[in-house]
PDB file of N, CA and C in Angstrom:
ATOM      1  N   MET A   1      87.032 137.983 120.272  1.00  0.00           N
ATOM      2  CA  MET A   1      88.162 138.563 119.388  1.00  0.00           C
ATOM      3  C   MET A   1      87.505 139.917 118.999  1.00  0.00           C
ATOM      4  N   ASN A   2      88.622 140.888 119.048  1.00  0.00           N
ATOM      5  CA  ASN A   2      88.222 142.322 118.747  1.00  0.00           C
ATOM      6  C   ASN A   2      88.011 142.512 117.250  1.00  0.00           C
ATOM      7  N   SER A   3      86.963 143.272 116.856  1.00  0.00           N
ATOM      8  CA  SER A   3      86.715 143.559 115.411  1.00  0.00           C
ATOM      9  C   SER A   3      87.850 144.158 114.721  1.00  0.00           C
ATOM     10  N   LYS A   4      88.519 145.042 115.395  1.00  0.00           N
ATOM     11  CA  LYS A   4      89.809 145.690 114.628  1.00  0.00           C
ATOM     12  C   LYS A   4      90.830 144.689 114.220  1.00  0.00           C
ATOM     13  N   THR A   5      91.145 143.723 115.132  1.00  0.00           N
ATOM     14  CA  THR A   5      92.078 142.705 114.761  1.00  0.00           C
ATOM     15  C   THR A   5      91.607 141.880 113.592  1.00  0.00           C
ATOM     16  N   ILE A   6      90.416 141.552 113.514  1.00  0.00           N
ATOM     17  CA  ILE A   6      89.729 140.625 112.498  1.00  0.00           C
ATOM     18  C   ILE A   6      89.768 141.540 111.257  1.00  0.00           C
ATOM     19  N   GLU A   7      89.385 142.865 111.272  1.00  0.00           N
ATOM     20  CA  GLU A   7      89.385 143.685 110.053  1.00  0.00           C
ATOM     21  C   GLU A   7      90.856 143.823 109.591  1.00  0.00           C
ATOM     22  N   THR A   8      91.801 143.940 110.405  1.00  0.00           N
ATOM     23  CA  THR A   8      93.254 144.102 109.978  1.00  0.00           C
ATOM     24  C   THR A   8      93.671 142.667 109.360  1.00  0.00           C
ATOM     25  N   PHE A   9      93.307 141.611 109.936  1.00  0.00           N
ATOM     26  CA  PHE A   9      93.587 140.276 109.449  1.00  0.00           C
ATOM     27  C   PHE A   9      93.127 140.123 107.983  1.00  0.00           C
ATOM     28  N   GLU A  10      91.751 140.609 107.850  1.00  0.00           N
ATOM     29  CA  GLU A  10      91.165 140.493 106.504  1.00  0.00           C
ATOM     30  C   GLU A  10      91.816 141.284 105.465  1.00  0.00           C
ATOM     31  N   SER A  11      92.402 142.299 105.907  1.00  0.00           N
ATOM     32  CA  SER A  11      93.214 143.243 104.862  1.00  0.00           C
ATOM     33  C   SER A  11      94.482 142.550 104.353  1.00  0.00           C
ATOM     34  N   PHE A  12      94.990 141.566 104.860  1.00  0.00           N
ATOM     35  CA  PHE A  12      96.239 140.957 104.518  1.00  0.00           C
ATOM     36  C   PHE A  12      96.012 140.141 103.398  1.00  0.00           C
ATOM     37  N   ASP A  13      97.013 139.954 102.482  1.00  0.00           N
ATOM     38  CA  ASP A  13      96.852 139.076 101.382  1.00  0.00           C
ATOM     39  C   ASP A  13      96.720 137.557 101.875  1.00  0.00           C
ATOM     40  N   ASP A  14      96.188 136.789 100.902  1.00  0.00           N
ATOM     41  CA  ASP A  14      95.952 135.329 101.294  1.00  0.00           C
ATOM     42  C   ASP A  14      97.149 134.635 101.825  1.00  0.00           C
ATOM     43  N   ASN A  15      98.391 134.898 101.293  1.00  0.00           N
ATOM     44  CA  ASN A  15      99.524 134.161 101.649  1.00  0.00           C
ATOM     45  C   ASN A  15      99.814 134.524 103.271  1.00  0.00           C
ATOM     46  N   ILE A  16      99.774 135.699 103.579  1.00  0.00           N
ATOM     47  CA  ILE A  16      99.961 136.121 105.056  1.00  0.00           C
ATOM     48  C   ILE A  16      98.985 135.419 105.866  1.00  0.00           C
ATOM     49  N   LYS A  17      97.695 135.526 105.445  1.00  0.00           N
ATOM     50  CA  LYS A  17      96.501 135.028 106.370  1.00  0.00           C
ATOM     51  C   LYS A  17      96.768 133.468 106.487  1.00  0.00           C
ATOM     52  N   GLN A  18      97.257 132.801 105.467  1.00  0.00           N
ATOM     53  CA  GLN A  18      97.524 131.345 105.402  1.00  0.00           C
ATOM     54  C   GLN A  18      98.663 131.103 106.458  1.00  0.00           C
ATOM     55  N   LYS A  19      99.798 131.814 106.398  1.00  0.00           N
ATOM     56  CA  LYS A  19     100.865 131.667 107.340  1.00  0.00           C
ATOM     57  C   LYS A  19     100.383 131.899 108.815  1.00  0.00           C
ATOM     58  N   ILE A  20      99.682 132.937 109.064  1.00  0.00           N
ATOM     59  CA  ILE A  20      99.170 133.159 110.413  1.00  0.00           C
ATOM     60  C   ILE A  20      98.385 131.946 110.835  1.00  0.00           C
ATOM     61  N   SER A  21      97.440 131.398 110.038  1.00  0.00           N
ATOM     62  CA  SER A  21      96.627 130.367 110.381  1.00  0.00           C
ATOM     63  C   SER A  21      97.563 129.090 110.677  1.00  0.00           C
ATOM     64  N   GLU A  22      98.450 128.913 109.679  1.00  0.00           N
ATOM     65  CA  GLU A  22      99.487 127.661 109.987  1.00  0.00           C
ATOM     66  C   GLU A  22     100.120 127.778 111.253  1.00  0.00           C
ATOM     67  N   THR A  23     100.841 129.034 111.539  1.00  0.00           N
ATOM     68  CA  THR A  23     101.447 129.136 112.701  1.00  0.00           C
ATOM     69  C   THR A  23     100.660 128.808 113.807  1.00  0.00           C
ATOM     70  N   LEU A  24      99.402 129.411 113.943  1.00  0.00           N
ATOM     71  CA  LEU A  24      98.492 129.015 115.096  1.00  0.00           C
ATOM     72  C   LEU A  24      98.174 127.472 115.074  1.00  0.00           C
ATOM     73  N   GLY A  25      98.135 126.906 113.917  1.00  0.00           N
ATOM     74  CA  GLY A  25      97.713 125.435 113.934  1.00  0.00           C
ATOM     75  C   GLY A  25      98.808 124.604 114.311  1.00  0.00           C
ATOM     76  N   TYR A  26     100.090 124.973 113.917  1.00  0.00           N
ATOM     77  CA  TYR A  26     101.103 124.125 114.459  1.00  0.00           C
ATOM     78  C   TYR A  26     101.776 124.325 115.840  1.00  0.00           C
ATOM     79  N   PHE A  27     101.437 125.463 116.349  1.00  0.00           N
ATOM     80  CA  PHE A  27     101.951 125.898 117.610  1.00  0.00           C
ATOM     81  C   PHE A  27     101.419 124.900 118.820  1.00  0.00           C
ATOM     82  N   ASP A  28     102.204 124.517 119.713  1.00  0.00           N
ATOM     83  CA  ASP A  28     101.743 123.617 120.723  1.00  0.00           C
ATOM     84  C   ASP A  28     101.113 124.467 121.994  1.00  0.00           C
ATOM     85  N   PHE A  29      99.904 124.802 121.851  1.00  0.00           N
ATOM     86  CA  PHE A  29      99.417 125.565 123.018  1.00  0.00           C
ATOM     87  C   PHE A  29      99.070 124.652 124.205  1.00  0.00           C
ATOM     88  N   HIS A  30      98.881 123.364 123.964  1.00  0.00           N
ATOM     89  CA  HIS A  30      98.741 122.365 125.087  1.00  0.00           C
ATOM     90  C   HIS A  30     100.003 122.402 126.009  1.00  0.00           C
ATOM     91  N   ARG A  31     101.183 122.304 125.254  1.00  0.00           N
ATOM     92  CA  ARG A  31     102.452 122.327 126.066  1.00  0.00           C
ATOM     93  C   ARG A  31     102.655 123.647 126.880  1.00  0.00           C
ATOM     94  N   VAL A  32     102.214 124.726 126.274  1.00  0.00           N
ATOM     95  CA  VAL A  32     102.218 125.942 126.964  1.00  0.00           C
ATOM     96  C   VAL A  32     101.376 125.901 128.147  1.00  0.00           C
ATOM     97  N   LYS A  33     100.107 125.352 128.108  1.00  0.00           N
ATOM     98  CA  LYS A  33      99.288 125.285 129.190  1.00  0.00           C
ATOM     99  C   LYS A  33      99.926 124.597 130.365  1.00  0.00           C
ATOM    100  N   ILE A  34     100.492 123.394 130.024  1.00  0.00           N
ATOM    101  CA  ILE A  34     101.248 122.538 130.954  1.00  0.00           C
ATOM    102  C   ILE A  34     102.391 123.351 131.578  1.00  0.00           C
ATOM    103  N   THR A  35     103.121 123.990 130.906  1.00  0.00           N
ATOM    104  CA  THR A  35     104.229 124.774 131.309  1.00  0.00           C
ATOM    105  C   THR A  35     103.696 125.918 132.366  1.00  0.00           C
ATOM    106  N   MET A  36     102.648 126.502 131.954  1.00  0.00           N
ATOM    107  CA  MET A  36     102.133 127.613 132.868  1.00  0.00           C
ATOM    108  C   MET A  36     101.623 127.029 134.131  1.00  0.00           C
ATOM    109  N   GLN A  37     100.921 125.786 134.048  1.00  0.00           N
ATOM    110  CA  GLN A  37     100.473 125.237 135.263  1.00  0.00           C
ATOM    111  C   GLN A  37     101.618 124.814 136.171  1.00  0.00           C
ATOM    112  N   ALA A  38     102.687 124.294 135.542  1.00  0.00           N
ATOM    113  CA  ALA A  38     103.902 123.792 136.402  1.00  0.00           C
ATOM    114  C   ALA A  38     104.553 125.034 137.062  1.00  0.00           C
ATOM    115  N   LEU A  39     104.537 126.255 136.386  1.00  0.00           N
ATOM    116  CA  LEU A  39     105.231 127.441 136.921  1.00  0.00           C
ATOM    117  C   LEU A  39     104.194 128.193 137.681  1.00  0.00           C
ATOM    118  N   ASP A  40     102.923 127.837 137.841  1.00  0.00           N
ATOM    119  CA  ASP A  40     101.979 128.616 138.492  1.00  0.00           C
ATOM    120  C   ASP A  40     101.912 130.009 137.847  1.00  0.00           C
ATOM    121  N   TRP A  41     102.021 129.982 136.542  1.00  0.00           N
ATOM    122  CA  TRP A  41     101.945 131.288 135.854  1.00  0.00           C
ATOM    123  C   TRP A  41     100.643 131.575 135.245  1.00  0.00           C
ATOM    124  N   TRP A  42     100.115 132.649 135.615  1.00  0.00           N
ATOM    125  CA  TRP A  42      98.753 133.018 135.236  1.00  0.00           C
ATOM    126  C   TRP A  42      98.572 134.378 134.707  1.00  0.00           C
ATOM    127  N   TRP A  43      97.464 134.713 133.996  1.00  0.00           N
ATOM    128  CA  TRP A  43      97.238 136.027 133.615  1.00  0.00           C
ATOM    129  C   TRP A  43      96.151 136.623 134.465  1.00  0.00           C
ATOM    130  N   SER A  44      96.424 137.937 134.888  1.00  0.00           N
ATOM    131  CA  SER A  44      95.484 138.635 135.805  1.00  0.00           C
ATOM    132  C   SER A  44      94.121 138.762 134.989  1.00  0.00           C
ATOM    133  N   SER A  45      94.072 138.821 133.721  1.00  0.00           N
ATOM    134  CA  SER A  45      92.837 138.915 133.078  1.00  0.00           C
ATOM    135  C   SER A  45      91.956 137.784 133.187  1.00  0.00           C
ATOM    136  N   THR A  46      92.643 136.638 133.344  1.00  0.00           N
ATOM    137  CA  THR A  46      91.861 135.419 133.490  1.00  0.00           C
ATOM    138  C   THR A  46      91.752 134.851 134.956  1.00  0.00           C
ATOM    139  N   ARG A  47      92.482 135.435 135.763  1.00  0.00           N
ATOM    140  CA  ARG A  47      92.644 135.026 137.203  1.00  0.00           C
ATOM    141  C   ARG A  47      92.976 133.530 137.418  1.00  0.00           C
ATOM    142  N   GLY A  48      93.906 133.221 136.544  1.00  0.00           N
ATOM    143  CA  GLY A  48      94.429 131.791 136.514  1.00  0.00           C
ATOM    144  C   GLY A  48      95.184 131.672 135.176  1.00  0.00           C
ATOM    145  N   VAL A  49      95.476 130.260 135.067  1.00  0.00           N
ATOM    146  CA  VAL A  49      96.022 129.932 133.828  1.00  0.00           C
ATOM    147  C   VAL A  49      95.085 129.884 132.745  1.00  0.00           C
ATOM    148  N   PRO A  50      95.360 130.660 131.606  1.00  0.00           N
ATOM    149  CA  PRO A  50      94.180 130.904 130.608  1.00  0.00           C
ATOM    150  C   PRO A  50      93.947 129.496 129.815  1.00  0.00           C
ATOM    151  N   SER A  51      92.641 129.467 129.344  1.00  0.00           N
ATOM    152  CA  SER A  51      92.266 128.423 128.492  1.00  0.00           C
ATOM    153  C   SER A  51      93.096 128.452 127.212  1.00  0.00           C
ATOM    154  N   ILE A  52      93.099 127.313 126.521  1.00  0.00           N
ATOM    155  CA  ILE A  52      93.908 127.165 125.197  1.00  0.00           C
ATOM    156  C   ILE A  52      93.109 128.216 124.256  1.00  0.00           C
ATOM    157  N   ASP A  53      91.786 128.328 124.345  1.00  0.00           N
ATOM    158  CA  ASP A  53      91.210 129.224 123.433  1.00  0.00           C
ATOM    159  C   ASP A  53      91.558 130.750 123.756  1.00  0.00           C
ATOM    160  N   LYS A  54      91.747 131.029 125.029  1.00  0.00           N
ATOM    161  CA  LYS A  54      92.303 132.301 125.213  1.00  0.00           C
ATOM    162  C   LYS A  54      93.680 132.622 124.874  1.00  0.00           C
ATOM    163  N   MET A  55      94.518 131.533 124.881  1.00  0.00           N
ATOM    164  CA  MET A  55      95.816 131.643 124.404  1.00  0.00           C
ATOM    165  C   MET A  55      95.977 131.742 122.928  1.00  0.00           C
ATOM    166  N   VAL A  56      95.130 131.031 122.127  1.00  0.00           N
ATOM    167  CA  VAL A  56      95.064 131.076 120.746  1.00  0.00           C
ATOM    168  C   VAL A  56      94.517 132.497 120.387  1.00  0.00           C
ATOM    169  N   GLU A  57      93.589 133.100 120.968  1.00  0.00           N
ATOM    170  CA  GLU A  57      93.097 134.418 120.638  1.00  0.00           C
ATOM    171  C   GLU A  57      94.198 135.446 120.989  1.00  0.00           C
ATOM    172  N   CYS A  58      94.911 135.330 121.982  1.00  0.00           N
ATOM    173  CA  CYS A  58      96.093 136.182 122.305  1.00  0.00           C
ATOM    174  C   CYS A  58      97.130 136.136 121.233  1.00  0.00           C
ATOM    175  N   ALA A  59      97.562 135.035 120.887  1.00  0.00           N
ATOM    176  CA  ALA A  59      98.645 134.688 119.946  1.00  0.00           C
ATOM    177  C   ALA A  59      98.120 135.180 118.549  1.00  0.00           C
ATOM    178  N   TYR A  60      96.924 135.011 118.152  1.00  0.00           N
ATOM    179  CA  TYR A  60      96.362 135.547 116.910  1.00  0.00           C
ATOM    180  C   TYR A  60      96.433 137.045 116.948  1.00  0.00           C
ATOM    181  N   GLY A  61      96.108 137.695 117.877  1.00  0.00           N
ATOM    182  CA  GLY A  61      96.139 139.217 118.119  1.00  0.00           C
ATOM    183  C   GLY A  61      97.617 139.603 117.900  1.00  0.00           C
ATOM    184  N   LEU A  62      98.463 138.920 118.584  1.00  0.00           N
ATOM    185  CA  LEU A  62      99.939 139.288 118.440  1.00  0.00           C
ATOM    186  C   LEU A  62     100.464 139.166 117.046  1.00  0.00           C
ATOM    187  N   LEU A  63     100.121 138.019 116.454  1.00  0.00           N
ATOM    188  CA  LEU A  63     100.663 137.796 115.009  1.00  0.00           C
ATOM    189  C   LEU A  63     100.082 138.950 114.158  1.00  0.00           C
ATOM    190  N   VAL A  64      98.833 139.147 114.243  1.00  0.00           N
ATOM    191  CA  VAL A  64      98.241 140.259 113.467  1.00  0.00           C
ATOM    192  C   VAL A  64      98.956 141.683 113.768  1.00  0.00           C
ATOM    193  N   ASP A  65      99.051 141.928 115.061  1.00  0.00           N
ATOM    194  CA  ASP A  65      99.692 143.267 115.345  1.00  0.00           C
ATOM    195  C   ASP A  65     101.089 143.210 114.850  1.00  0.00           C
ATOM    196  N   ALA A  66     101.899 142.310 114.972  1.00  0.00           N
ATOM    197  CA  ALA A  66     103.323 142.140 114.475  1.00  0.00           C
ATOM    198  C   ALA A  66     103.399 142.281 112.906  1.00  0.00           C
ATOM    199  N   THR A  67     102.384 141.619 112.254  1.00  0.00           N
ATOM    200  CA  THR A  67     102.322 141.555 110.859  1.00  0.00           C
ATOM    201  C   THR A  67     101.960 143.051 110.318  1.00  0.00           C
ATOM    202  N   SER A  68     101.086 143.782 110.954  1.00  0.00           N
ATOM    203  CA  SER A  68     100.633 145.098 110.652  1.00  0.00           C
ATOM    204  C   SER A  68     101.860 146.156 110.908  1.00  0.00           C
ATOM    205  N   GLY A  69     102.510 145.808 112.053  1.00  0.00           N
ATOM    206  CA  GLY A  69     103.651 146.636 112.317  1.00  0.00           C
ATOM    207  C   GLY A  69     104.769 146.451 111.301  1.00  0.00           C
ATOM    208  N   SER A  70     104.999 145.359 110.896  1.00  0.00           N
ATOM    209  CA  SER A  70     106.176 145.091 109.966  1.00  0.00           C
ATOM    210  C   SER A  70     105.828 145.726 108.591  1.00  0.00           C
ATOM    211  N   ILE A  71     104.617 145.508 108.226  1.00  0.00           N
ATOM    212  CA  ILE A  71     104.150 146.170 106.908  1.00  0.00           C
ATOM    213  C   ILE A  71     104.189 147.713 107.007  1.00  0.00           C
ATOM    214  N   ARG A  72     103.797 148.221 108.269  1.00  0.00           N
ATOM    215  CA  ARG A  72     103.865 149.737 108.364  1.00  0.00           C
ATOM    216  C   ARG A  72     105.296 150.278 108.381  1.00  0.00           C
ATOM    217  N   ILE A  73     106.219 149.638 108.946  1.00  0.00           N
ATOM    218  CA  ILE A  73     107.566 150.234 109.056  1.00  0.00           C
ATOM    219  C   ILE A  73     108.515 149.658 108.113  1.00  0.00           C
ATOM    220  N   LYS A  74     108.000 148.628 107.300  1.00  0.00           N
ATOM    221  CA  LYS A  74     108.757 147.891 106.351  1.00  0.00           C
ATOM    222  C   LYS A  74     110.104 147.386 106.920  1.00  0.00           C
ATOM    223  N   GLY A  75     109.949 146.650 108.018  1.00  0.00           N
ATOM    224  CA  GLY A  75     111.027 146.094 108.802  1.00  0.00           C
ATOM    225  C   GLY A  75     110.466 144.954 109.801  1.00  0.00           C
ATOM    226  N   ASN A  76     111.417 144.336 110.478  1.00  0.00           N
ATOM    227  CA  ASN A  76     111.099 143.372 111.440  1.00  0.00           C
ATOM    228  C   ASN A  76     110.298 144.017 112.559  1.00  0.00           C
ATOM    229  N   TYR A  77     109.418 143.247 113.096  1.00  0.00           N
ATOM    230  CA  TYR A  77     108.628 143.798 114.210  1.00  0.00           C
ATOM    231  C   TYR A  77     108.157 142.668 115.225  1.00  0.00           C
ATOM    232  N   THR A  78     108.264 143.005 116.450  1.00  0.00           N
ATOM    233  CA  THR A  78     107.970 142.025 117.531  1.00  0.00           C
ATOM    234  C   THR A  78     106.925 142.635 118.510  1.00  0.00           C
ATOM    235  N   VAL A  79     106.021 141.876 118.937  1.00  0.00           N
ATOM    236  CA  VAL A  79     105.070 142.261 120.047  1.00  0.00           C
ATOM    237  C   VAL A  79     104.968 140.960 120.973  1.00  0.00           C
ATOM    238  N   SER A  80     104.841 141.399 122.273  1.00  0.00           N
ATOM    239  CA  SER A  80     104.861 140.294 123.271  1.00  0.00           C
ATOM    240  C   SER A  80     103.862 140.701 124.329  1.00  0.00           C
ATOM    241  N   THR A  81     103.331 139.632 125.004  1.00  0.00           N
ATOM    242  CA  THR A  81     102.532 139.654 126.192  1.00  0.00           C
ATOM    243  C   THR A  81     102.271 138.346 126.792  1.00  0.00           C
ATOM    244  N   GLY A  82     102.050 138.328 127.984  1.00  0.00           N
ATOM    245  CA  GLY A  82     101.576 137.069 128.594  1.00  0.00           C
ATOM    246  C   GLY A  82     102.543 135.872 128.479  1.00  0.00           C
ATOM    247  N   GLY A  83     103.735 136.078 128.128  1.00  0.00           N
ATOM    248  CA  GLY A  83     104.818 135.129 127.809  1.00  0.00           C
ATOM    249  C   GLY A  83     104.878 134.786 126.341  1.00  0.00           C
ATOM    250  N   PHE A  84     103.860 135.308 125.544  1.00  0.00           N
ATOM    251  CA  PHE A  84     104.111 135.064 124.100  1.00  0.00           C
ATOM    252  C   PHE A  84     104.874 136.241 123.341  1.00  0.00           C
ATOM    253  N   ASP A  85     105.638 135.791 122.541  1.00  0.00           N
ATOM    254  CA  ASP A  85     106.353 136.750 121.542  1.00  0.00           C
ATOM    255  C   ASP A  85     105.905 136.408 120.139  1.00  0.00           C
ATOM    256  N   ALA A  86     105.521 137.509 119.332  1.00  0.00           N
ATOM    257  CA  ALA A  86     105.340 137.169 117.916  1.00  0.00           C
ATOM    258  C   ALA A  86     106.296 138.127 117.234  1.00  0.00           C
ATOM    259  N   GLU A  87     107.076 137.538 116.350  1.00  0.00           N
ATOM    260  CA  GLU A  87     107.959 138.297 115.420  1.00  0.00           C
ATOM    261  C   GLU A  87     107.628 138.036 113.983  1.00  0.00           C
ATOM    262  N   VAL A  88     107.686 139.167 113.307  1.00  0.00           N
ATOM    263  CA  VAL A  88     107.495 139.094 111.855  1.00  0.00           C
ATOM    264  C   VAL A  88     108.770 139.756 111.188  1.00  0.00           C
ATOM    265  N   PHE A  89     109.148 139.051 110.160  1.00  0.00           N
ATOM    266  CA  PHE A  89     110.341 139.493 109.443  1.00  0.00           C
ATOM    267  C   PHE A  89     110.104 140.000 108.105  1.00  0.00           C
ATOM    268  N   TRP A  90     110.871 141.131 107.845  1.00  0.00           N
ATOM    269  CA  TRP A  90     110.643 141.855 106.562  1.00  0.00           C
ATOM    270  C   TRP A  90     111.790 141.574 105.519  1.00  0.00           C
ATOM    271  N   ASP A  91     111.569 141.240 104.314  1.00  0.00           N
ATOM    272  CA  ASP A  91     112.643 141.272 103.336  1.00  0.00           C
ATOM    273  C   ASP A  91     112.781 142.596 102.631  1.00  0.00           C
ATOM    274  N   LYS A  92     113.798 143.317 102.981  1.00  0.00           N
ATOM    275  CA  LYS A  92     113.876 144.622 102.368  1.00  0.00           C
ATOM    276  C   LYS A  92     114.098 144.572 100.831  1.00  0.00           C
ATOM    277  N   ASP A  93     114.712 143.557 100.332  1.00  0.00           N
ATOM    278  CA  ASP A  93     115.028 143.542  98.921  1.00  0.00           C
ATOM    279  C   ASP A  93     113.721 143.191  98.122  1.00  0.00           C
ATOM    280  N   LEU A  94     112.871 142.306  98.659  1.00  0.00           N
ATOM    281  CA  LEU A  94     111.678 142.039  97.970  1.00  0.00           C
ATOM    282  C   LEU A  94     110.456 142.989  98.441  1.00  0.00           C
ATOM    283  N   ASN A  95     110.684 143.735  99.492  1.00  0.00           N
ATOM    284  CA  ASN A  95     109.694 144.637 100.067  1.00  0.00           C
ATOM    285  C   ASN A  95     108.454 143.949 100.491  1.00  0.00           C
ATOM    286  N   ARG A  96     108.632 142.809 101.311  1.00  0.00           N
ATOM    287  CA  ARG A  96     107.511 142.102 101.788  1.00  0.00           C
ATOM    288  C   ARG A  96     107.820 141.339 103.072  1.00  0.00           C
ATOM    289  N   VAL A  97     106.720 140.897 103.712  1.00  0.00           N
ATOM    290  CA  VAL A  97     106.873 139.936 104.856  1.00  0.00           C
ATOM    291  C   VAL A  97     107.324 138.681 104.242  1.00  0.00           C
ATOM    292  N   PHE A  98     108.330 138.027 105.005  1.00  0.00           N
ATOM    293  CA  PHE A  98     108.924 136.847 104.527  1.00  0.00           C
ATOM    294  C   PHE A  98     108.874 135.675 105.607  1.00  0.00           C
ATOM    295  N   GLY A  99     108.492 136.141 106.830  1.00  0.00           N
ATOM    296  CA  GLY A  99     108.335 135.037 107.826  1.00  0.00           C
ATOM    297  C   GLY A  99     107.807 135.466 109.061  1.00  0.00           C
ATOM    298  N   MET A 100     107.501 134.678 109.928  1.00  0.00           N
ATOM    299  CA  MET A 100     106.981 134.910 111.300  1.00  0.00           C
ATOM    300  C   MET A 100     107.349 133.865 112.253  1.00  0.00           C
ATOM    301  N   ASN A 101     107.323 134.270 113.486  1.00  0.00           N
ATOM    302  CA  ASN A 101     107.825 133.262 114.585  1.00  0.00           C
ATOM    303  C   ASN A 101     106.811 133.609 115.750  1.00  0.00           C
ATOM    304  N   LEU A 102     106.305 132.486 116.355  1.00  0.00           N
ATOM    305  CA  LEU A 102     105.558 132.616 117.543  1.00  0.00           C
ATOM    306  C   LEU A 102     106.176 131.841 118.733  1.00  0.00           C
ATOM    307  N   MET A 103     106.481 132.381 119.777  1.00  0.00           N
ATOM    308  CA  MET A 103     107.210 131.724 120.824  1.00  0.00           C
ATOM    309  C   MET A 103     106.424 131.910 122.158  1.00  0.00           C
ATOM    310  N   PHE A 104     106.620 131.005 123.206  1.00  0.00           N
ATOM    311  CA  PHE A 104     106.293 131.205 124.429  1.00  0.00           C
ATOM    312  C   PHE A 104     107.574 131.254 125.250  1.00  0.00           C
ATOM    313  N   VAL A 105     107.858 132.294 125.887  1.00  0.00           N
ATOM    314  CA  VAL A 105     109.114 132.481 126.564  1.00  0.00           C
ATOM    315  C   VAL A 105     108.977 132.392 127.985  1.00  0.00           C
ATOM    316  N   ALA A 106     109.592 131.497 128.707  1.00  0.00           N
ATOM    317  CA  ALA A 106     109.536 131.370 130.209  1.00  0.00           C
ATOM    318  C   ALA A 106     110.694 132.169 130.853  1.00  0.00           C
ATOM    319  N   SER A 107     111.824 132.280 130.123  1.00  0.00           N
ATOM    320  CA  SER A 107     112.836 133.134 130.685  1.00  0.00           C
ATOM    321  C   SER A 107     113.716 133.693 129.541  1.00  0.00           C
ATOM    322  N   GLN A 108     114.273 134.852 129.641  1.00  0.00           N
ATOM    323  CA  GLN A 108     115.153 135.392 128.635  1.00  0.00           C
ATOM    324  C   GLN A 108     115.966 136.512 129.155  1.00  0.00           C
ATOM    325  N   TRP A 109     117.065 136.709 128.591  1.00  0.00           N
ATOM    326  CA  TRP A 109     118.051 137.764 128.933  1.00  0.00           C
ATOM    327  C   TRP A 109     118.612 138.385 127.737  1.00  0.00           C
ATOM    328  N   ASN A 110     118.688 139.635 127.572  1.00  0.00           N
ATOM    329  CA  ASN A 110     119.247 140.288 126.476  1.00  0.00           C
ATOM    330  C   ASN A 110     120.302 141.292 127.059  1.00  0.00           C
ATOM    331  N   CYS A 111     121.276 141.626 126.408  1.00  0.00           N
ATOM    332  CA  CYS A 111     122.260 142.770 126.785  1.00  0.00           C
ATOM    333  C   CYS A 111     122.761 143.416 125.568  1.00  0.00           C
ATOM    334  N   GLU A 112     123.150 144.577 125.759  1.00  0.00           N
ATOM    335  CA  GLU A 112     123.769 145.421 124.653  1.00  0.00           C
ATOM    336  C   GLU A 112     125.341 145.463 124.946  1.00  0.00           C
ATOM    337  N   VAL A 113     126.093 145.238 123.910  1.00  0.00           N
ATOM    338  CA  VAL A 113     127.431 145.539 123.994  1.00  0.00           C
ATOM    339  C   VAL A 113     127.950 146.798 123.501  1.00  0.00           C
ATOM    340  N   GLU A 114     128.537 147.450 124.425  1.00  0.00           N
ATOM    341  CA  GLU A 114     129.051 148.881 124.187  1.00  0.00           C
ATOM    342  C   GLU A 114     130.375 148.774 123.390  1.00  0.00           C
ATOM    343  N   HIS A 115     130.506 149.486 122.325  1.00  0.00           N
ATOM    344  CA  HIS A 115     131.746 149.565 121.493  1.00  0.00           C
ATOM    345  C   HIS A 115     132.274 150.873 121.738  1.00  0.00           C
ATOM    346  N   LYS A 116     133.548 151.001 122.032  1.00  0.00           N
ATOM    347  CA  LYS A 116     134.226 152.259 122.181  1.00  0.00           C
ATOM    348  C   LYS A 116     135.229 152.495 121.143  1.00  0.00           C
TER     349      LYS A 116
END
């Protein structure tokens, strides 16, 4: 784990640190591994399906980056890699982080609606 990520995590208040830890604790990394194996989805950095430890490390880094980004811009912030998406939600009225979401996304489509 990179020292900058750990340093950033340590700078968060205890409530945010607890929520990141809870999110990682409740997330079903085993199910992600089974899904990745079934889809023959692998990371080039691991030259195969990553270990659960590598997935946890990746997700931890994403949650820390998303939290840091949300605090910096005082708004919602999302970061993604390797199938994982980490979203952190900002409460503009209370001026603080109020939630986070960790997902493994196998397929997704977004579009923009043009208004004339």
